Amino acid sequence: MKLPKLFVPEKDLENSVERLLKEPVEFQRKYDLIEVIRADTYAKGIAKLKEQGQKPFTFSENIEARIADYKANGKNAELFQTYLDSVTGIAYKAHSTKFKLILRFDRLENITAGFNESFIPINYGAEQGVELDSKKGEYNRDLTREEVKNHEFWLTAMGGNKEKLAEYVDIWFEKTGLYKGMGVYLRSNTSQDKLRALVLYDDNDDSSASDNGDLDDSVQFVSGAK
């Protein structure tokens, strides 16, 4: 399946995880510095990361973190056992099945510390992202290995990096032994234009991709090595 014509590659992939992927031994030595930050709300989670001088991960960076964890720790990789929030946004168009993926959404990354609402109100037409339509693809069901590797949502969320997506998919399906999983579960026909954050769910939820429900719910972020 071809990527949407509006696709713009993510610019911020040269992060700590990307460097650690090139040096898996070094990653293993530093792994105790990588942790999962938990908080009662999305805004509080972002605030904790900033207090540590950390930059919140995008959805694709969460995938890279899991790959690095697996290379260092095999089936004992802990990042597969927890859901991971991100600053990748899903903008929903009201009364529609259309949505946009925004790989690094500034308003999520710089959300005010006191924000305690379930979503960010937006003007859908003004948001810059890759527009997809959930009625034109395989959504809201589990997928086979090959379906995931060629899925427009997964490819877009990974910044078009088909090789890295395939690597993660193979790791996950081999590790779990499952035939299907990694579904994309989204909303449709929302009452107004809304922005939520994209979450990579854990093995108990078949490593599915979805929004995080409400931004005033509890969150978990990867904190990269310093």
N, C-alpha and C. Protein backbone atom coordinates (compact mmCIF):
# COMPACT_ATOMS: atom_id res chain seq x y z
N MET A 1 0.85 -1.19 0.00
CA MET A 1 0.00 0.00 0.00
C MET A 1 0.88 1.24 0.00
N LYS A 2 0.55 2.20 -0.81
CA LYS A 2 1.35 3.41 -0.93
C LYS A 2 1.08 4.34 0.25
N LEU A 3 2.09 5.10 0.61
CA LEU A 3 1.92 6.12 1.63
C LEU A 3 1.11 7.28 1.08
N PRO A 4 0.34 7.97 1.93
CA PRO A 4 -0.41 9.14 1.47
C PRO A 4 0.52 10.18 0.85
N LYS A 5 0.03 10.86 -0.16
CA LYS A 5 0.85 11.84 -0.87
C LYS A 5 1.28 13.00 0.02
N LEU A 6 0.52 13.26 1.09
CA LEU A 6 0.84 14.39 1.95
C LEU A 6 1.90 14.06 2.99
N PHE A 7 2.42 12.82 2.93
CA PHE A 7 3.36 12.40 3.95
C PHE A 7 4.61 13.28 3.96
N VAL A 8 4.97 13.72 5.18
CA VAL A 8 6.21 14.48 5.39
C VAL A 8 7.03 13.72 6.42
N PRO A 9 8.25 13.28 6.12
CA PRO A 9 9.03 12.49 7.06
C PRO A 9 9.23 13.21 8.38
N GLU A 10 9.22 12.45 9.46
CA GLU A 10 9.48 13.03 10.76
C GLU A 10 10.93 13.48 10.84
N LYS A 11 11.14 14.64 11.46
CA LYS A 11 12.46 15.24 11.46
C LYS A 11 13.29 14.87 12.68
N ASP A 12 12.63 14.35 13.72
CA ASP A 12 13.35 14.21 14.97
C ASP A 12 13.61 12.76 15.34
N LEU A 13 14.26 12.00 14.46
CA LEU A 13 14.56 10.61 14.74
C LEU A 13 15.97 10.42 15.26
N GLU A 14 16.82 11.46 15.24
CA GLU A 14 18.17 11.35 15.78
C GLU A 14 18.14 11.63 17.27
N ASN A 15 17.51 10.72 18.01
CA ASN A 15 17.37 10.88 19.45
C ASN A 15 18.22 9.86 20.16
N SER A 16 18.12 9.84 21.48
CA SER A 16 18.96 8.94 22.25
C SER A 16 18.73 7.48 21.89
N VAL A 17 17.47 7.09 21.63
CA VAL A 17 17.20 5.70 21.29
C VAL A 17 17.84 5.33 19.97
N GLU A 18 17.76 6.23 18.97
CA GLU A 18 18.36 5.96 17.67
C GLU A 18 19.86 5.72 17.82
N ARG A 19 20.50 6.51 18.64
CA ARG A 19 21.93 6.32 18.85
C ARG A 19 22.21 5.01 19.57
N LEU A 20 21.36 4.68 20.54
CA LEU A 20 21.57 3.45 21.28
C LEU A 20 21.35 2.22 20.41
N LEU A 21 20.45 2.33 19.42
CA LEU A 21 20.22 1.22 18.51
C LEU A 21 21.50 0.87 17.76
N LYS A 22 22.33 1.86 17.49
CA LYS A 22 23.57 1.62 16.76
C LYS A 22 24.64 1.02 17.67
N GLU A 23 24.40 1.10 19.00
CA GLU A 23 25.36 0.57 19.95
C GLU A 23 24.63 -0.24 21.01
N PRO A 24 24.12 -1.43 20.66
CA PRO A 24 23.29 -2.20 21.59
C PRO A 24 23.98 -2.56 22.89
N VAL A 25 25.30 -2.78 22.88
CA VAL A 25 26.01 -3.10 24.11
C VAL A 25 25.98 -1.91 25.06
N GLU A 26 26.22 -0.72 24.49
CA GLU A 26 26.17 0.50 25.29
C GLU A 26 24.78 0.69 25.87
N PHE A 27 23.76 0.38 25.08
CA PHE A 27 22.39 0.49 25.56
C PHE A 27 22.18 -0.40 26.78
N GLN A 28 22.68 -1.62 26.71
CA GLN A 28 22.50 -2.56 27.81
C GLN A 28 23.16 -2.03 29.08
N ARG A 29 24.28 -1.38 28.93
CA ARG A 29 25.01 -0.85 30.07
C ARG A 29 24.26 0.34 30.68
N LYS A 30 23.53 1.08 29.86
CA LYS A 30 22.84 2.28 30.32
C LYS A 30 21.36 2.03 30.62
N TYR A 31 20.91 0.80 30.51
CA TYR A 31 19.49 0.55 30.57
C TYR A 31 18.86 0.99 31.89
N ASP A 32 19.63 0.97 32.98
CA ASP A 32 19.05 1.37 34.24
C ASP A 32 18.70 2.86 34.26
N LEU A 33 19.17 3.60 33.27
CA LEU A 33 18.84 5.02 33.19
C LEU A 33 17.57 5.27 32.40
N ILE A 34 17.06 4.23 31.77
CA ILE A 34 15.82 4.38 31.01
C ILE A 34 14.68 3.82 31.83
N GLU A 35 13.68 4.64 32.06
CA GLU A 35 12.57 4.23 32.91
C GLU A 35 11.25 4.70 32.31
N VAL A 36 10.18 4.24 32.92
CA VAL A 36 8.85 4.66 32.51
C VAL A 36 8.33 5.66 33.54
N ILE A 37 7.98 6.84 33.06
CA ILE A 37 7.46 7.91 33.92
C ILE A 37 5.93 7.81 33.95
N ARG A 38 5.38 7.75 35.14
CA ARG A 38 3.92 7.64 35.31
C ARG A 38 3.37 8.89 35.97
N ALA A 39 2.16 9.25 35.57
CA ALA A 39 1.53 10.44 36.16
C ALA A 39 0.01 10.30 36.07
N ASP A 40 -0.70 11.13 36.86
CA ASP A 40 -2.16 11.06 36.92
C ASP A 40 -2.83 11.61 35.67
N THR A 41 -2.17 12.58 35.01
CA THR A 41 -2.73 13.17 33.80
C THR A 41 -1.62 13.33 32.76
N TYR A 42 -2.01 13.54 31.54
CA TYR A 42 -1.05 13.75 30.46
C TYR A 42 -0.16 14.95 30.76
N ALA A 43 -0.75 16.05 31.17
CA ALA A 43 0.01 17.27 31.43
C ALA A 43 1.03 17.06 32.54
N LYS A 44 0.65 16.33 33.58
CA LYS A 44 1.59 16.07 34.68
C LYS A 44 2.74 15.19 34.21
N GLY A 45 2.46 14.25 33.29
CA GLY A 45 3.52 13.41 32.75
C GLY A 45 4.53 14.22 31.95
N ILE A 46 4.04 15.12 31.13
CA ILE A 46 4.93 16.01 30.37
C ILE A 46 5.76 16.87 31.31
N ALA A 47 5.12 17.36 32.35
CA ALA A 47 5.83 18.20 33.32
C ALA A 47 6.97 17.42 33.99
N LYS A 48 6.72 16.16 34.34
CA LYS A 48 7.76 15.33 34.96
C LYS A 48 8.94 15.15 34.02
N LEU A 49 8.66 14.89 32.75
CA LEU A 49 9.74 14.73 31.78
C LEU A 49 10.57 16.00 31.68
N LYS A 50 9.91 17.14 31.63
CA LYS A 50 10.64 18.41 31.52
C LYS A 50 11.48 18.67 32.76
N GLU A 51 10.98 18.27 33.92
CA GLU A 51 11.76 18.43 35.14
C GLU A 51 13.06 17.63 35.07
N GLN A 52 13.03 16.51 34.36
CA GLN A 52 14.22 15.66 34.20
C GLN A 52 15.08 16.08 33.02
N GLY A 53 14.64 17.11 32.30
CA GLY A 53 15.36 17.53 31.11
C GLY A 53 15.19 16.58 29.95
N GLN A 54 14.08 15.84 29.94
CA GLN A 54 13.82 14.85 28.89
C GLN A 54 12.80 15.38 27.88
N LYS A 55 12.94 14.92 26.66
CA LYS A 55 11.99 15.27 25.60
C LYS A 55 11.04 14.09 25.40
N PRO A 56 9.73 14.33 25.43
CA PRO A 56 8.78 13.22 25.29
C PRO A 56 8.90 12.54 23.92
N PHE A 57 8.71 11.25 23.91
CA PHE A 57 8.87 10.46 22.70
C PHE A 57 7.63 10.55 21.80
N THR A 58 7.87 10.43 20.51
CA THR A 58 6.79 10.24 19.55
C THR A 58 6.42 8.75 19.54
N PHE A 59 5.37 8.42 18.82
CA PHE A 59 4.95 7.03 18.69
C PHE A 59 6.06 6.18 18.08
N SER A 60 6.70 6.68 17.03
CA SER A 60 7.77 5.91 16.38
C SER A 60 8.97 5.75 17.29
N GLU A 61 9.25 6.74 18.12
CA GLU A 61 10.36 6.63 19.07
C GLU A 61 10.06 5.59 20.14
N ASN A 62 8.79 5.45 20.52
CA ASN A 62 8.41 4.38 21.44
C ASN A 62 8.68 3.01 20.82
N ILE A 63 8.37 2.87 19.53
CA ILE A 63 8.67 1.62 18.82
C ILE A 63 10.17 1.36 18.85
N GLU A 64 10.96 2.39 18.56
CA GLU A 64 12.42 2.24 18.55
C GLU A 64 12.93 1.85 19.94
N ALA A 65 12.33 2.43 20.98
CA ALA A 65 12.73 2.09 22.35
C ALA A 65 12.47 0.62 22.64
N ARG A 66 11.34 0.11 22.20
CA ARG A 66 11.03 -1.31 22.42
C ARG A 66 12.00 -2.21 21.64
N ILE A 67 12.33 -1.82 20.42
CA ILE A 67 13.28 -2.61 19.65
C ILE A 67 14.63 -2.66 20.36
N ALA A 68 15.08 -1.51 20.84
CA ALA A 68 16.35 -1.45 21.55
C ALA A 68 16.31 -2.28 22.83
N ASP A 69 15.21 -2.21 23.55
CA ASP A 69 15.03 -2.99 24.77
C ASP A 69 15.10 -4.49 24.45
N TYR A 70 14.45 -4.89 23.37
CA TYR A 70 14.45 -6.30 22.99
C TYR A 70 15.85 -6.76 22.60
N LYS A 71 16.58 -5.93 21.88
CA LYS A 71 17.93 -6.30 21.48
C LYS A 71 18.84 -6.47 22.70
N ALA A 72 18.58 -5.67 23.73
CA ALA A 72 19.42 -5.74 24.92
C ALA A 72 18.97 -6.84 25.89
N ASN A 73 17.66 -7.11 25.94
CA ASN A 73 17.13 -7.97 26.99
C ASN A 73 16.26 -9.13 26.51
N GLY A 74 16.10 -9.27 25.19
CA GLY A 74 15.32 -10.39 24.66
C GLY A 74 13.89 -10.39 25.17
N LYS A 75 13.37 -11.58 25.47
CA LYS A 75 11.98 -11.69 25.88
C LYS A 75 11.72 -11.09 27.26
N ASN A 76 12.77 -10.69 27.95
CA ASN A 76 12.60 -10.01 29.24
C ASN A 76 12.46 -8.50 29.09
N ALA A 77 12.41 -8.03 27.86
CA ALA A 77 12.27 -6.59 27.62
C ALA A 77 11.01 -6.06 28.30
N GLU A 78 11.19 -5.13 29.20
CA GLU A 78 10.09 -4.65 30.03
C GLU A 78 9.17 -3.66 29.32
N LEU A 79 9.68 -2.99 28.30
CA LEU A 79 8.85 -1.97 27.64
C LEU A 79 7.68 -2.56 26.88
N PHE A 80 7.69 -3.88 26.65
CA PHE A 80 6.55 -4.53 26.00
C PHE A 80 5.42 -4.79 27.00
N GLN A 81 5.73 -4.62 28.28
CA GLN A 81 4.75 -4.95 29.32
C GLN A 81 3.99 -3.73 29.83
N THR A 82 4.19 -2.60 29.18
CA THR A 82 3.51 -1.38 29.61
C THR A 82 3.08 -0.57 28.40
N TYR A 83 1.94 0.08 28.50
CA TYR A 83 1.53 0.97 27.41
C TYR A 83 2.39 2.22 27.46
N LEU A 84 2.57 2.86 26.31
CA LEU A 84 3.45 4.02 26.22
C LEU A 84 2.73 5.17 25.51
N ASP A 85 2.57 6.27 26.22
CA ASP A 85 1.98 7.46 25.62
C ASP A 85 3.01 8.18 24.76
N SER A 86 2.54 9.08 23.91
CA SER A 86 3.45 9.78 23.00
C SER A 86 2.95 11.20 22.74
N VAL A 87 3.79 11.97 22.03
CA VAL A 87 3.36 13.30 21.59
C VAL A 87 2.95 13.29 20.11
N THR A 88 2.67 12.11 19.61
CA THR A 88 2.05 11.98 18.28
C THR A 88 0.55 12.16 18.45
N GLY A 89 -0.03 13.04 17.67
CA GLY A 89 -1.44 13.37 17.84
C GLY A 89 -2.34 12.74 16.80
N ILE A 90 -3.57 12.46 17.21
CA ILE A 90 -4.63 12.04 16.29
C ILE A 90 -5.69 13.13 16.32
N ALA A 91 -5.85 13.81 15.18
CA ALA A 91 -6.87 14.86 15.06
C ALA A 91 -8.09 14.27 14.38
N TYR A 92 -9.20 14.27 15.07
CA TYR A 92 -10.44 13.71 14.53
C TYR A 92 -11.30 14.81 13.92
N LYS A 93 -11.83 14.55 12.73
CA LYS A 93 -12.76 15.47 12.09
C LYS A 93 -14.17 15.14 12.55
N ALA A 94 -14.89 16.13 13.01
CA ALA A 94 -16.23 15.93 13.55
C ALA A 94 -17.16 15.31 12.51
N HIS A 95 -18.03 14.41 12.99
CA HIS A 95 -19.07 13.80 12.16
C HIS A 95 -18.48 13.14 10.91
N SER A 96 -17.36 12.46 11.08
CA SER A 96 -16.64 11.91 9.94
C SER A 96 -15.80 10.72 10.39
N THR A 97 -15.32 9.94 9.42
CA THR A 97 -14.35 8.88 9.71
C THR A 97 -12.94 9.33 9.35
N LYS A 98 -12.79 10.60 8.98
CA LYS A 98 -11.47 11.12 8.61
C LYS A 98 -10.71 11.58 9.86
N PHE A 99 -9.39 11.46 9.79
CA PHE A 99 -8.53 11.91 10.87
C PHE A 99 -7.16 12.24 10.30
N LYS A 100 -6.36 12.97 11.07
CA LYS A 100 -5.00 13.29 10.67
C LYS A 100 -4.02 12.79 11.73
N LEU A 101 -2.92 12.24 11.26
CA LEU A 101 -1.82 11.88 12.14
C LEU A 101 -0.80 13.01 12.13
N ILE A 102 -0.47 13.51 13.30
CA ILE A 102 0.52 14.59 13.44
C ILE A 102 1.68 14.00 14.24
N LEU A 103 2.81 13.75 13.58
CA LEU A 103 3.86 12.92 14.17
C LEU A 103 4.45 13.50 15.45
N ARG A 104 4.64 14.79 15.51
CA ARG A 104 5.03 15.45 16.77
C ARG A 104 4.17 16.70 16.90
N PHE A 105 3.20 16.65 17.81
CA PHE A 105 2.23 17.73 17.93
C PHE A 105 2.68 18.69 19.03
N ASP A 106 2.93 19.93 18.62
CA ASP A 106 3.49 20.92 19.53
C ASP A 106 2.60 21.15 20.75
N ARG A 107 1.31 21.14 20.54
CA ARG A 107 0.41 21.44 21.67
C ARG A 107 0.35 20.29 22.68
N LEU A 108 0.72 19.10 22.27
CA LEU A 108 0.87 18.01 23.24
C LEU A 108 2.21 18.12 23.96
N GLU A 109 3.27 18.37 23.19
CA GLU A 109 4.61 18.45 23.77
C GLU A 109 4.74 19.61 24.75
N ASN A 110 3.99 20.68 24.51
CA ASN A 110 4.08 21.88 25.35
C ASN A 110 2.76 22.16 26.07
N ILE A 111 2.05 21.11 26.39
CA ILE A 111 0.77 21.26 27.08
C ILE A 111 0.99 21.93 28.43
N THR A 112 0.10 22.81 28.82
CA THR A 112 0.26 23.53 30.08
C THR A 112 0.09 22.57 31.26
N ALA A 113 0.86 22.83 32.31
CA ALA A 113 0.92 21.91 33.45
C ALA A 113 -0.44 21.69 34.09
N GLY A 114 -1.32 22.69 34.05
CA GLY A 114 -2.61 22.56 34.70
C GLY A 114 -3.71 22.00 33.82
N PHE A 115 -3.39 21.60 32.57
CA PHE A 115 -4.42 21.10 31.66
C PHE A 115 -5.04 19.83 32.23
N ASN A 116 -6.38 19.82 32.29
CA ASN A 116 -7.06 18.67 32.88
C ASN A 116 -8.37 18.38 32.16
N GLU A 117 -8.32 18.45 30.83
CA GLU A 117 -9.49 18.15 30.01
C GLU A 117 -9.28 16.81 29.30
N SER A 118 -10.34 16.25 28.77
CA SER A 118 -10.24 14.93 28.16
C SER A 118 -9.62 14.97 26.77
N PHE A 119 -9.68 16.13 26.08
CA PHE A 119 -9.10 16.26 24.75
C PHE A 119 -8.76 17.72 24.49
N ILE A 120 -8.03 17.97 23.41
CA ILE A 120 -7.71 19.34 23.01
C ILE A 120 -8.64 19.74 21.86
N PRO A 121 -9.46 20.77 22.04
CA PRO A 121 -10.30 21.25 20.93
C PRO A 121 -9.41 21.82 19.83
N ILE A 122 -9.75 21.53 18.59
CA ILE A 122 -8.95 22.00 17.46
C ILE A 122 -9.84 22.46 16.32
N ASN A 123 -9.23 23.13 15.37
CA ASN A 123 -9.85 23.40 14.07
C ASN A 123 -9.24 22.40 13.10
N TYR A 124 -9.96 21.35 12.78
CA TYR A 124 -9.40 20.24 12.00
C TYR A 124 -8.75 20.72 10.71
N GLY A 125 -9.42 21.60 10.00
CA GLY A 125 -8.90 22.06 8.72
C GLY A 125 -7.59 22.80 8.82
N ALA A 126 -7.30 23.38 9.98
CA ALA A 126 -6.07 24.16 10.15
C ALA A 126 -4.88 23.31 10.58
N GLU A 127 -5.13 22.07 10.99
CA GLU A 127 -4.04 21.23 11.49
C GLU A 127 -3.28 20.59 10.33
N GLN A 128 -1.96 20.61 10.44
CA GLN A 128 -1.09 20.03 9.41
C GLN A 128 -0.73 18.60 9.80
N GLY A 129 -1.13 17.66 8.98
CA GLY A 129 -0.83 16.26 9.25
C GLY A 129 -1.19 15.40 8.05
N VAL A 130 -1.05 14.10 8.20
CA VAL A 130 -1.39 13.17 7.14
C VAL A 130 -2.83 12.73 7.34
N GLU A 131 -3.68 13.03 6.37
CA GLU A 131 -5.09 12.68 6.50
C GLU A 131 -5.35 11.25 6.01
N LEU A 132 -6.04 10.49 6.83
CA LEU A 132 -6.46 9.13 6.49
C LEU A 132 -7.95 9.00 6.77
N ASP A 133 -8.51 7.88 6.38
CA ASP A 133 -9.94 7.65 6.55
C ASP A 133 -10.13 6.22 7.03
N SER A 134 -10.69 6.06 8.22
CA SER A 134 -10.80 4.73 8.81
C SER A 134 -11.79 3.83 8.07
N LYS A 135 -12.67 4.40 7.25
CA LYS A 135 -13.60 3.55 6.51
C LYS A 135 -12.97 3.01 5.22
N LYS A 136 -11.75 3.47 4.92
CA LYS A 136 -11.08 3.04 3.70
C LYS A 136 -9.90 2.10 3.97
N GLY A 137 -9.85 1.56 5.14
CA GLY A 137 -8.77 0.62 5.48
C GLY A 137 -9.23 -0.35 6.55
N GLU A 138 -8.30 -1.16 7.02
CA GLU A 138 -8.61 -2.17 8.02
C GLU A 138 -8.36 -1.59 9.42
N TYR A 139 -9.44 -1.18 10.07
CA TYR A 139 -9.37 -0.57 11.38
C TYR A 139 -10.29 -1.29 12.36
N ASN A 140 -9.98 -1.12 13.63
CA ASN A 140 -10.82 -1.65 14.71
C ASN A 140 -10.96 -3.16 14.67
N ARG A 141 -9.88 -3.82 14.28
CA ARG A 141 -9.79 -5.28 14.37
C ARG A 141 -8.31 -5.67 14.41
N ASP A 142 -8.04 -6.88 14.90
CA ASP A 142 -6.67 -7.37 14.92
C ASP A 142 -6.20 -7.66 13.50
N LEU A 143 -4.87 -7.57 13.30
CA LEU A 143 -4.28 -7.69 11.97
C LEU A 143 -3.26 -8.82 11.94
N THR A 144 -3.04 -9.39 10.75
CA THR A 144 -1.98 -10.37 10.57
C THR A 144 -0.64 -9.64 10.45
N ARG A 145 0.43 -10.40 10.50
CA ARG A 145 1.76 -9.82 10.39
C ARG A 145 1.92 -9.01 9.10
N GLU A 146 1.52 -9.57 7.98
CA GLU A 146 1.68 -8.87 6.70
C GLU A 146 0.74 -7.68 6.59
N GLU A 147 -0.43 -7.78 7.17
CA GLU A 147 -1.35 -6.64 7.15
C GLU A 147 -0.76 -5.45 7.90
N VAL A 148 -0.12 -5.72 9.03
CA VAL A 148 0.49 -4.63 9.79
C VAL A 148 1.62 -3.99 9.00
N LYS A 149 2.45 -4.82 8.39
CA LYS A 149 3.62 -4.30 7.67
C LYS A 149 3.22 -3.38 6.51
N ASN A 150 2.02 -3.57 5.98
CA ASN A 150 1.57 -2.78 4.83
C ASN A 150 0.42 -1.83 5.17
N HIS A 151 0.17 -1.64 6.45
CA HIS A 151 -0.98 -0.82 6.86
C HIS A 151 -0.62 0.66 6.79
N GLU A 152 -1.51 1.44 6.16
CA GLU A 152 -1.24 2.86 5.95
C GLU A 152 -1.04 3.61 7.27
N PHE A 153 -1.78 3.24 8.30
CA PHE A 153 -1.67 3.92 9.58
C PHE A 153 -0.31 3.65 10.20
N TRP A 154 0.08 2.38 10.30
CA TRP A 154 1.35 2.02 10.91
C TRP A 154 2.52 2.63 10.13
N LEU A 155 2.45 2.58 8.80
CA LEU A 155 3.53 3.15 7.99
C LEU A 155 3.65 4.66 8.21
N THR A 156 2.53 5.31 8.27
CA THR A 156 2.55 6.76 8.48
C THR A 156 3.05 7.10 9.87
N ALA A 157 2.54 6.39 10.89
CA ALA A 157 2.97 6.65 12.26
C ALA A 157 4.46 6.39 12.46
N MET A 158 5.03 5.51 11.65
CA MET A 158 6.46 5.21 11.72
C MET A 158 7.29 6.15 10.86
N GLY A 159 6.68 7.21 10.36
CA GLY A 159 7.42 8.17 9.55
C GLY A 159 7.84 7.60 8.22
N GLY A 160 7.13 6.58 7.73
CA GLY A 160 7.45 5.99 6.44
C GLY A 160 8.59 4.99 6.48
N ASN A 161 9.10 4.67 7.67
CA ASN A 161 10.22 3.75 7.79
C ASN A 161 9.70 2.31 7.77
N LYS A 162 9.55 1.78 6.58
CA LYS A 162 8.97 0.46 6.40
C LYS A 162 9.87 -0.63 6.99
N GLU A 163 11.18 -0.45 6.89
CA GLU A 163 12.12 -1.45 7.41
C GLU A 163 12.04 -1.53 8.93
N LYS A 164 11.98 -0.38 9.60
CA LYS A 164 11.90 -0.39 11.05
C LYS A 164 10.57 -0.95 11.52
N LEU A 165 9.49 -0.62 10.82
CA LEU A 165 8.19 -1.20 11.15
C LEU A 165 8.24 -2.71 11.02
N ALA A 166 8.78 -3.21 9.91
CA ALA A 166 8.86 -4.65 9.70
C ALA A 166 9.67 -5.33 10.80
N GLU A 167 10.75 -4.67 11.22
CA GLU A 167 11.58 -5.23 12.29
C GLU A 167 10.78 -5.38 13.57
N TYR A 168 10.04 -4.34 13.93
CA TYR A 168 9.23 -4.40 15.14
C TYR A 168 8.13 -5.45 15.03
N VAL A 169 7.46 -5.47 13.89
CA VAL A 169 6.37 -6.43 13.68
C VAL A 169 6.90 -7.86 13.83
N ASP A 170 8.03 -8.16 13.22
CA ASP A 170 8.60 -9.51 13.31
C ASP A 170 8.97 -9.85 14.75
N ILE A 171 9.55 -8.89 15.47
CA ILE A 171 9.89 -9.12 16.87
C ILE A 171 8.64 -9.45 17.67
N TRP A 172 7.60 -8.64 17.49
CA TRP A 172 6.39 -8.82 18.29
C TRP A 172 5.68 -10.14 17.99
N PHE A 173 5.52 -10.47 16.72
CA PHE A 173 4.82 -11.70 16.38
C PHE A 173 5.64 -12.93 16.76
N GLU A 174 6.96 -12.87 16.61
CA GLU A 174 7.79 -14.00 17.02
C GLU A 174 7.79 -14.14 18.54
N LYS A 175 7.86 -13.03 19.24
CA LYS A 175 7.91 -13.05 20.70
C LYS A 175 6.63 -13.59 21.32
N THR A 176 5.50 -13.18 20.77
CA THR A 176 4.21 -13.57 21.34
C THR A 176 3.68 -14.88 20.79
N GLY A 177 4.09 -15.23 19.57
CA GLY A 177 3.57 -16.45 18.94
C GLY A 177 2.14 -16.32 18.45
N LEU A 178 1.62 -15.11 18.42
CA LEU A 178 0.24 -14.90 17.99
C LEU A 178 0.13 -14.80 16.48
N TYR A 179 -1.05 -15.12 15.97
CA TYR A 179 -1.30 -15.02 14.53
C TYR A 179 -1.81 -13.63 14.16
N LYS A 180 -2.55 -12.99 15.08
CA LYS A 180 -3.08 -11.66 14.82
C LYS A 180 -2.86 -10.76 16.03
N GLY A 181 -2.81 -9.47 15.77
CA GLY A 181 -2.65 -8.46 16.82
C GLY A 181 -2.37 -7.12 16.18
N MET A 182 -1.84 -6.19 16.96
CA MET A 182 -1.42 -4.89 16.46
C MET A 182 -2.50 -4.17 15.65
N GLY A 183 -3.73 -4.26 16.11
CA GLY A 183 -4.81 -3.55 15.44
C GLY A 183 -4.73 -2.05 15.69
N VAL A 184 -5.45 -1.29 14.88
CA VAL A 184 -5.53 0.16 15.03
C VAL A 184 -6.98 0.48 15.41
N TYR A 185 -7.17 0.98 16.62
CA TYR A 185 -8.51 1.20 17.14
C TYR A 185 -8.75 2.70 17.34
N LEU A 186 -9.65 3.24 16.53
CA LEU A 186 -9.88 4.69 16.52
C LEU A 186 -11.35 5.02 16.68
N ARG A 187 -11.60 6.28 16.97
CA ARG A 187 -12.95 6.80 17.06
C ARG A 187 -13.41 7.26 15.68
N SER A 188 -14.70 7.54 15.57
CA SER A 188 -15.25 8.15 14.36
C SER A 188 -16.51 8.90 14.74
N ASN A 189 -16.88 9.83 13.87
CA ASN A 189 -18.11 10.60 14.06
C ASN A 189 -18.15 11.28 15.44
N THR A 190 -17.04 11.89 15.79
CA THR A 190 -17.01 12.63 17.06
C THR A 190 -17.91 13.86 16.97
N SER A 191 -18.33 14.35 18.12
CA SER A 191 -19.28 15.46 18.14
C SER A 191 -18.65 16.78 17.71
N GLN A 192 -17.32 16.88 17.84
CA GLN A 192 -16.61 18.09 17.41
C GLN A 192 -15.18 17.70 17.03
N ASP A 193 -14.45 18.61 16.40
CA ASP A 193 -13.05 18.35 16.09
C ASP A 193 -12.28 18.18 17.40
N LYS A 194 -11.51 17.09 17.51
CA LYS A 194 -10.81 16.79 18.75
C LYS A 194 -9.41 16.28 18.46
N LEU A 195 -8.50 16.53 19.38
CA LEU A 195 -7.12 16.03 19.29
C LEU A 195 -6.82 15.20 20.53
N ARG A 196 -6.36 13.97 20.29
CA ARG A 196 -5.92 13.10 21.38
C ARG A 196 -4.52 12.58 21.06
N ALA A 197 -3.91 11.92 22.01
CA ALA A 197 -2.54 11.43 21.84
C ALA A 197 -2.54 9.95 21.47
N LEU A 198 -1.60 9.57 20.60
CA LEU A 198 -1.49 8.19 20.14
C LEU A 198 -0.71 7.36 21.15
N VAL A 199 -1.23 6.19 21.48
CA VAL A 199 -0.64 5.30 22.47
C VAL A 199 -0.25 3.97 21.82
N LEU A 200 0.91 3.45 22.23
CA LEU A 200 1.33 2.11 21.86
C LEU A 200 1.01 1.21 23.05
N TYR A 201 0.06 0.30 22.86
CA TYR A 201 -0.38 -0.52 23.99
C TYR A 201 0.54 -1.72 24.21
N ASP A 202 0.39 -2.37 25.35
CA ASP A 202 1.31 -3.43 25.74
C ASP A 202 0.88 -4.78 25.16
N ASP A 203 1.64 -5.83 25.52
CA ASP A 203 1.36 -7.15 24.99
C ASP A 203 -0.01 -7.66 25.39
N ASN A 204 -0.49 -7.27 26.57
CA ASN A 204 -1.82 -7.71 27.00
C ASN A 204 -2.92 -7.18 26.09
N ASP A 205 -2.64 -6.07 25.41
CA ASP A 205 -3.58 -5.50 24.44
C ASP A 205 -3.04 -5.65 23.02
N ASP A 206 -2.22 -6.68 22.81
CA ASP A 206 -1.74 -7.06 21.48
C ASP A 206 -0.99 -5.95 20.76
N SER A 207 -0.29 -5.11 21.50
CA SER A 207 0.51 -4.03 20.92
C SER A 207 -0.30 -3.19 19.94
N SER A 208 -1.54 -2.94 20.28
CA SER A 208 -2.42 -2.16 19.40
C SER A 208 -2.07 -0.68 19.48
N ALA A 209 -2.55 0.07 18.51
CA ALA A 209 -2.38 1.52 18.46
C ALA A 209 -3.75 2.17 18.60
N SER A 210 -3.83 3.16 19.47
CA SER A 210 -5.10 3.85 19.68
C SER A 210 -4.81 5.18 20.36
N ASP A 211 -5.84 6.00 20.53
CA ASP A 211 -5.62 7.21 21.32
C ASP A 211 -5.70 6.83 22.79
N ASN A 212 -5.32 7.73 23.66
CA ASN A 212 -5.19 7.38 25.07
C ASN A 212 -6.47 7.56 25.86
N GLY A 213 -7.60 7.54 25.17
CA GLY A 213 -8.85 7.76 25.89
C GLY A 213 -9.00 9.23 26.21
N ASP A 214 -8.65 9.63 27.40
CA ASP A 214 -8.78 11.02 27.82
C ASP A 214 -7.44 11.54 28.31
N LEU A 215 -7.15 12.79 28.01
CA LEU A 215 -5.89 13.38 28.45
C LEU A 215 -5.86 13.64 29.95
N ASP A 216 -7.01 13.54 30.60
CA ASP A 216 -7.02 13.67 32.06
C ASP A 216 -6.95 12.32 32.76
N ASP A 217 -6.67 11.26 31.99
CA ASP A 217 -6.43 9.94 32.56
C ASP A 217 -4.94 9.75 32.85
N SER A 218 -4.59 8.68 33.56
CA SER A 218 -3.21 8.38 33.87
C SER A 218 -2.42 8.07 32.59
N VAL A 219 -1.11 8.36 32.63
CA VAL A 219 -0.26 8.18 31.45
C VAL A 219 1.06 7.53 31.86
N GLN A 220 1.78 7.02 30.81
CA GLN A 220 3.10 6.44 31.01
C GLN A 220 3.97 6.84 29.83
N PHE A 221 5.10 7.46 30.12
CA PHE A 221 6.04 7.90 29.09
C PHE A 221 7.38 7.20 29.29
N VAL A 222 8.09 6.94 28.17
CA VAL A 222 9.45 6.48 28.25
C VAL A 222 10.34 7.69 28.56
N SER A 223 11.25 7.50 29.49
CA SER A 223 12.24 8.52 29.80
C SER A 223 13.59 8.04 29.30
N GLY A 224 14.18 8.74 28.33
CA GLY A 224 15.41 8.30 27.70
C GLY A 224 16.64 8.51 28.58
N ALA A 225 17.72 7.78 28.25
CA ALA A 225 18.97 7.90 29.00
C ALA A 225 19.56 9.29 28.80
N LYS A 226 20.19 9.84 29.83
CA LYS A 226 20.80 11.16 29.76
C LYS A 226 22.21 11.06 29.19
